[in-house]
N, C-alpha and C. Protein backbone atom coordinates (compact mmCIF):
# COMPACT_ATOMS: atom_id res chain seq x y z
N MET A 1 92.10 74.24 69.29
CA MET A 1 93.18 73.14 69.67
C MET A 1 93.65 73.02 71.07
N ARG A 2 93.62 74.65 71.53
CA ARG A 2 93.93 74.58 72.91
C ARG A 2 93.00 73.42 73.88
N ARG A 3 91.63 73.93 73.81
CA ARG A 3 90.82 72.71 74.72
C ARG A 3 90.69 71.98 74.93
N HIS A 4 90.44 71.53 73.45
CA HIS A 4 90.78 69.75 73.17
C HIS A 4 92.29 69.14 73.65
N LEU A 5 93.84 70.06 73.42
CA LEU A 5 94.68 69.38 74.36
C LEU A 5 94.48 69.63 75.95
N ALA A 6 94.02 70.62 76.52
CA ALA A 6 93.74 71.02 77.69
C ALA A 6 93.05 68.84 78.44
N GLU A 7 91.71 68.80 77.33
CA GLU A 7 90.97 67.71 77.73
C GLU A 7 91.59 66.48 77.43
N ALA A 8 92.70 66.17 76.81
CA ALA A 8 93.74 65.40 76.61
C ALA A 8 94.43 64.94 77.87
N ALA A 9 94.71 66.23 78.65
CA ALA A 9 95.86 66.77 80.11
C ALA A 9 94.68 65.78 80.67
N PHE A 10 93.29 65.92 80.94
CA PHE A 10 92.51 65.56 81.67
C PHE A 10 92.01 64.14 81.66
N LEU A 11 92.12 63.94 80.46
CA LEU A 11 92.12 62.25 80.14
C LEU A 11 93.12 61.77 80.82
N ALA A 12 95.05 62.83 80.87
CA ALA A 12 95.95 61.93 81.34
C ALA A 12 95.68 61.47 82.72
N CYS A 13 94.98 62.83 83.01
CA CYS A 13 94.86 62.56 84.56
C CYS A 13 94.09 61.55 85.38
N ILE A 14 92.70 61.49 84.73
CA ILE A 14 91.81 60.28 85.19
C ILE A 14 92.25 59.21 84.72
N SER A 15 93.86 58.51 84.03
CA SER A 15 94.63 57.58 83.80
C SER A 15 95.55 57.77 85.30
N ASN A 16 95.89 58.73 85.53
CA ASN A 16 96.45 58.77 86.63
C ASN A 16 98.23 58.83 86.05
N ASP A 17 97.71 59.70 85.03
CA ASP A 17 99.44 59.97 83.91
C ASP A 17 99.69 61.17 84.37
N VAL A 18 100.33 61.69 85.20
CA VAL A 18 100.68 62.82 85.39
C VAL A 18 101.67 63.54 84.86
N GLU A 19 102.43 62.92 85.10
CA GLU A 19 103.67 63.07 83.58
C GLU A 19 103.24 63.98 82.58
N GLY A 20 102.46 62.78 81.69
CA GLY A 20 102.07 62.36 80.60
C GLY A 20 100.66 64.40 80.27
N ALA A 21 100.28 64.31 82.02
CA ALA A 21 99.76 65.46 81.73
C ALA A 21 100.10 66.78 82.13
N ARG A 22 100.88 66.73 82.50
CA ARG A 22 102.52 67.64 82.83
C ARG A 22 103.26 68.22 81.22
N ARG A 23 103.45 66.37 80.60
CA ARG A 23 104.33 67.55 79.20
C ARG A 23 102.75 68.14 78.04
N ILE A 24 101.57 67.54 78.23
CA ILE A 24 100.89 68.57 77.52
C ILE A 24 100.14 69.55 78.19
N ALA A 25 100.47 70.00 79.23
CA ALA A 25 99.95 71.46 80.04
C ALA A 25 101.78 72.18 79.06
N LYS A 26 103.13 71.31 79.03
CA LYS A 26 103.93 72.40 78.75
C LYS A 26 103.85 72.32 77.52
N GLY A 27 103.39 71.99 76.31
CA GLY A 27 103.33 72.08 74.92
C GLY A 27 102.00 73.49 74.79
N LEU A 28 101.07 72.81 75.59
CA LEU A 28 99.88 73.98 75.45
C LEU A 28 100.40 75.24 75.81
N ASP A 29 101.34 75.39 76.57
CA ASP A 29 102.23 76.71 77.42
C ASP A 29 103.16 77.11 76.27
N ALA A 30 103.85 76.19 75.41
CA ALA A 30 104.81 76.86 74.44
C ALA A 30 103.87 77.18 73.27
N ILE A 31 102.61 77.09 73.51
CA ILE A 31 102.07 77.62 72.17
C ILE A 31 101.26 78.57 72.53
N ALA A 32 100.71 79.39 73.91
CA ALA A 32 100.23 80.53 73.69
C ALA A 32 100.78 80.18 75.68
N GLN A 33 101.81 80.77 75.82
CA GLN A 33 102.11 81.23 77.37
C GLN A 33 101.13 81.77 78.52
N GLY A 34 101.24 80.69 78.98
CA GLY A 34 100.14 81.29 80.54
C GLY A 34 98.87 81.14 80.04
N CYS A 35 98.27 80.98 78.47
CA CYS A 35 97.02 80.67 78.44
C CYS A 35 95.79 79.44 79.35
N ARG A 36 94.77 79.93 79.52
CA ARG A 36 93.93 79.70 80.57
C ARG A 36 94.24 77.90 80.39
N GLU A 37 93.66 77.18 79.47
CA GLU A 37 94.19 76.29 79.48
C GLU A 37 95.05 75.29 79.79
N SER A 38 96.18 75.97 79.95
CA SER A 38 97.46 75.12 80.58
C SER A 38 98.21 75.43 82.04
N VAL A 39 97.37 76.44 82.38
CA VAL A 39 97.00 76.48 83.69
C VAL A 39 96.15 75.80 84.12
N ILE A 40 95.18 75.07 83.13
CA ILE A 40 94.38 74.40 83.85
C ILE A 40 94.75 73.12 83.82
N ALA A 41 95.99 72.78 83.35
CA ALA A 41 96.15 71.46 82.70
C ALA A 41 96.98 71.36 83.87
N TYR A 42 97.83 72.44 83.99
CA TYR A 42 98.83 72.33 85.27
C TYR A 42 98.60 71.51 86.27
N ALA A 43 97.34 72.15 86.98
CA ALA A 43 96.99 72.65 88.07
C ALA A 43 95.93 71.02 87.78
N LEU A 44 95.56 70.26 86.85
CA LEU A 44 94.46 69.11 86.92
C LEU A 44 96.10 68.15 87.27
N ALA A 45 97.01 68.23 87.05
CA ALA A 45 98.28 67.31 87.45
C ALA A 45 98.79 67.77 88.92
N ASP A 46 98.78 69.05 88.99
CA ASP A 46 99.07 69.03 90.50
C ASP A 46 98.10 68.63 91.55
N LEU A 47 96.42 68.64 90.81
CA LEU A 47 95.56 67.65 92.10
C LEU A 47 96.03 66.20 91.55
N THR A 48 95.94 65.82 90.22
CA THR A 48 95.96 64.28 90.50
C THR A 48 97.12 63.89 91.33
N ALA A 49 98.19 64.81 91.25
CA ALA A 49 99.79 64.65 92.12
C ALA A 49 99.37 64.46 93.52
N GLY A 50 97.72 64.99 93.96
CA GLY A 50 97.85 64.97 95.37
C GLY A 50 98.18 66.77 95.84
N ASP A 51 98.51 67.52 94.89
CA ASP A 51 99.08 68.65 95.66
C ASP A 51 98.29 69.73 95.10
N VAL A 52 97.31 69.93 96.73
CA VAL A 52 96.31 71.51 95.99
C VAL A 52 97.30 72.77 96.13
N GLU A 53 97.91 72.63 97.09
CA GLU A 53 98.84 74.22 97.31
C GLU A 53 99.25 74.87 95.40
N ALA A 54 99.71 73.70 95.21
CA ALA A 54 100.39 73.98 93.64
C ALA A 54 99.16 74.01 92.92
N ALA A 55 98.00 73.69 93.46
CA ALA A 55 97.16 73.34 92.26
C ALA A 55 96.45 74.97 91.77
N LEU A 56 96.39 75.46 93.76
CA LEU A 56 95.53 76.67 93.84
C LEU A 56 96.79 78.46 93.13
N GLN A 57 98.00 77.58 93.47
CA GLN A 57 98.42 78.61 93.03
C GLN A 57 98.93 78.98 91.68
N GLN A 58 98.37 77.84 90.81
CA GLN A 58 98.63 77.78 89.39
C GLN A 58 97.02 78.64 89.41
N LEU A 59 96.12 77.92 89.89
CA LEU A 59 94.48 79.45 89.55
C LEU A 59 94.91 79.86 90.16
N GLY A 60 95.60 81.17 91.04
CA GLY A 60 95.26 81.68 91.89
C GLY A 60 94.81 83.33 90.70
N PRO A 61 95.68 83.19 89.54
CA PRO A 61 95.97 84.73 88.77
C PRO A 61 94.40 84.31 87.74
N LEU A 62 94.49 83.33 87.27
CA LEU A 62 93.35 83.41 86.88
C LEU A 62 91.93 83.87 87.52
N SER A 63 92.00 83.33 88.95
CA SER A 63 90.53 83.52 89.81
C SER A 63 90.51 84.97 89.92
N ASP A 64 91.51 85.61 90.17
CA ASP A 64 91.26 86.67 90.63
C ASP A 64 91.10 88.01 89.70
N ALA A 65 92.00 87.61 88.17
CA ALA A 65 91.28 87.72 86.75
C ALA A 65 89.69 87.82 86.99
N GLU A 66 88.79 87.17 87.28
CA GLU A 66 87.78 86.66 87.85
C GLU A 66 87.48 86.23 86.83
N ASP A 67 88.68 84.31 85.81
CA ASP A 67 88.07 84.01 84.84
C ASP A 67 87.35 83.14 85.35
N ALA A 68 85.93 82.70 84.69
CA ALA A 68 84.96 81.82 85.19
C ALA A 68 85.46 80.47 85.51
N TYR A 69 86.03 79.73 84.51
CA TYR A 69 87.33 78.55 84.39
C TYR A 69 88.17 78.40 85.50
N GLY A 70 88.75 79.60 85.39
CA GLY A 70 89.58 79.44 86.44
C GLY A 70 89.14 79.50 87.38
N MET A 71 88.17 79.75 87.69
CA MET A 71 87.45 80.23 89.00
C MET A 71 86.65 78.66 90.06
N VAL A 72 85.92 77.89 88.91
CA VAL A 72 85.69 76.50 89.17
C VAL A 72 86.66 75.95 89.30
N PHE A 73 87.36 75.29 88.60
CA PHE A 73 88.73 74.53 89.15
C PHE A 73 89.67 75.14 90.10
N GLN A 74 89.92 76.34 90.63
CA GLN A 74 90.18 76.89 91.93
C GLN A 74 89.03 76.41 93.17
N ALA A 75 87.36 76.19 92.70
CA ALA A 75 87.00 75.58 93.72
C ALA A 75 86.87 74.06 93.86
N LEU A 76 87.28 73.72 93.10
CA LEU A 76 87.42 72.46 93.03
C LEU A 76 88.77 71.58 93.92
N ALA A 77 89.73 72.80 93.34
CA ALA A 77 90.86 72.76 94.30
C ALA A 77 90.62 72.79 95.83
N LEU A 78 90.20 73.84 96.16
CA LEU A 78 89.71 74.00 97.20
C LEU A 78 88.44 72.99 97.96
N HIS A 79 87.87 72.40 97.61
CA HIS A 79 86.68 71.53 98.05
C HIS A 79 87.72 69.84 98.08
N LEU A 80 88.62 69.64 96.90
CA LEU A 80 89.33 68.12 97.75
C LEU A 80 90.27 68.76 98.31
N GLY A 81 90.89 69.74 98.47
CA GLY A 81 91.85 70.45 99.94
C GLY A 81 90.85 70.47 101.65
N GLY A 82 89.48 69.91 100.95
CA GLY A 82 89.09 70.68 102.13
C GLY A 82 88.69 71.80 102.51
N ARG A 83 88.27 72.85 102.25
CA ARG A 83 88.47 74.36 102.28
C ARG A 83 87.35 74.90 101.96
N MET A 84 86.42 73.83 102.42
CA MET A 84 84.43 74.24 101.74
C MET A 84 84.25 75.76 101.90
N SER A 85 84.47 76.58 103.09
CA SER A 85 84.32 78.01 102.98
C SER A 85 84.82 78.71 101.66
N GLU A 86 85.80 78.29 101.70
CA GLU A 86 86.61 79.00 101.15
C GLU A 86 86.04 78.67 99.19
N ARG A 87 85.98 77.31 99.23
CA ARG A 87 84.96 76.90 97.81
C ARG A 87 83.84 77.85 97.87
N ASP A 88 83.28 78.17 98.99
CA ASP A 88 81.85 78.21 98.56
C ASP A 88 81.71 80.00 98.40
N ALA A 89 82.67 80.83 99.04
CA ALA A 89 83.27 82.15 97.99
C ALA A 89 83.60 82.67 97.19
N VAL A 90 84.55 81.64 96.61
CA VAL A 90 84.47 81.39 95.15
C VAL A 90 83.26 81.10 94.17
N LEU A 91 82.77 80.24 94.48
CA LEU A 91 81.66 80.02 94.02
C LEU A 91 81.00 80.91 94.18
N ARG A 92 80.37 82.21 94.81
CA ARG A 92 79.33 83.28 94.96
C ARG A 92 80.22 84.18 94.02
N ARG A 93 81.10 84.41 93.93
CA ARG A 93 82.05 85.21 93.04
C ARG A 93 82.10 84.56 91.32
N ILE A 94 81.73 83.89 91.10
CA ILE A 94 82.23 82.89 89.34
C ILE A 94 81.02 84.06 88.64
N PRO A 95 81.20 84.47 87.98
CA PRO A 95 80.12 85.35 86.58
C PRO A 95 79.20 84.36 86.19
N GLY A 96 78.24 84.02 86.41
CA GLY A 96 77.38 83.57 85.52
C GLY A 96 77.21 84.00 84.09
N GLY A 97 76.27 82.99 82.98
CA GLY A 97 76.08 83.37 81.47
C GLY A 97 76.86 82.30 80.85
N GLN A 98 77.32 81.50 81.27
CA GLN A 98 78.18 80.43 80.42
C GLN A 98 77.48 78.95 80.48
N THR A 99 76.90 78.44 79.62
CA THR A 99 76.25 77.55 79.90
C THR A 99 76.79 76.63 80.72
N ASP A 100 78.06 75.72 80.26
CA ASP A 100 79.04 75.32 80.89
C ASP A 100 79.62 74.94 82.07
N VAL A 101 80.01 76.52 82.41
CA VAL A 101 79.86 76.65 83.76
C VAL A 101 79.10 76.64 84.46
N ASP A 102 78.04 77.41 84.02
CA ASP A 102 77.40 77.63 84.82
C ASP A 102 76.44 76.48 85.95
N GLY A 103 76.51 75.07 84.72
CA GLY A 103 76.09 74.17 84.88
C GLY A 103 77.46 73.09 86.54
N LEU A 104 78.75 73.30 86.05
CA LEU A 104 79.75 73.01 86.86
C LEU A 104 79.54 73.57 88.30
N VAL A 105 78.94 74.91 88.30
CA VAL A 105 78.93 75.63 89.25
C VAL A 105 77.44 74.99 89.96
N ALA A 106 76.35 74.95 89.53
CA ALA A 106 75.28 74.19 90.20
C ALA A 106 75.53 73.22 90.89
N ALA A 107 75.80 72.18 89.60
CA ALA A 107 76.61 70.60 90.72
C ALA A 107 77.49 70.84 92.21
N PHE A 108 78.40 72.15 92.01
CA PHE A 108 78.68 72.18 93.20
C PHE A 108 77.79 72.40 94.42
N ARG A 109 77.26 73.86 94.10
CA ARG A 109 75.91 74.20 94.98
C ARG A 109 75.00 73.39 95.41
N ASN A 110 74.89 72.31 95.09
CA ASN A 110 73.53 71.72 95.15
C ASN A 110 74.19 70.60 96.42
N ASN A 111 75.78 70.30 96.47
CA ASN A 111 76.44 69.73 97.12
C ASN A 111 77.00 70.66 98.09
N SER A 112 76.81 72.03 98.34
CA SER A 112 77.46 72.66 99.72
C SER A 112 76.33 73.14 100.29
N VAL A 113 76.98 72.20 101.61
CA VAL A 113 76.33 73.18 103.16
C VAL A 113 76.01 74.34 103.00
N GLY A 114 77.38 75.26 103.23
CA GLY A 114 77.15 76.50 103.18
C GLY A 114 76.52 77.49 101.91
N TYR A 115 76.32 77.02 100.89
CA TYR A 115 75.71 77.61 99.95
C TYR A 115 74.14 77.44 100.01
N ALA A 116 73.91 76.49 100.96
CA ALA A 116 72.97 76.35 101.22
C ALA A 116 71.75 76.53 101.82
N VAL A 117 72.76 76.80 103.44
CA VAL A 117 72.70 77.87 104.23
C VAL A 117 72.15 79.35 103.99
N ASP A 118 73.11 79.81 103.65
CA ASP A 118 73.23 81.12 102.66
C ASP A 118 72.04 81.14 102.14
N ARG A 119 71.30 80.22 101.75
CA ARG A 119 70.15 80.86 100.35
C ARG A 119 68.54 80.24 101.41
N GLY A 120 69.40 80.26 103.50
CA GLY A 120 67.67 79.49 104.07
C GLY A 120 67.68 78.00 103.16
N VAL A 121 68.01 77.24 102.46
CA VAL A 121 67.58 75.97 102.00
C VAL A 121 67.13 75.16 102.71
N ARG A 122 66.85 74.65 103.98
CA ARG A 122 66.69 73.23 104.66
C ARG A 122 66.39 72.02 104.27
């Protein structure tokens, strides 16, 4: 249920409904305070509003705990903030083994000059 609500928050962001996304995030937080899904929903709302720093602040604890999903969204926020070397450093730390996360990481890495240089890709 939490994941479905987080996806609803994402859809609200796609339609630029930041307030709707924040309401969904608040509901998620009421169901399970501080859960990954509510943190990501709040961060997506912040990113949609153009507040990269607020999103990074939200996602920091997930990244510090090496939560793969939180780290992917942190990489997205860093990317949107133009902080590519930091994004690449986060991508290198993301634990593998989850198909959906691995796919997102691969998409970032395929578009990352820093990652390609580290791997000797020309």
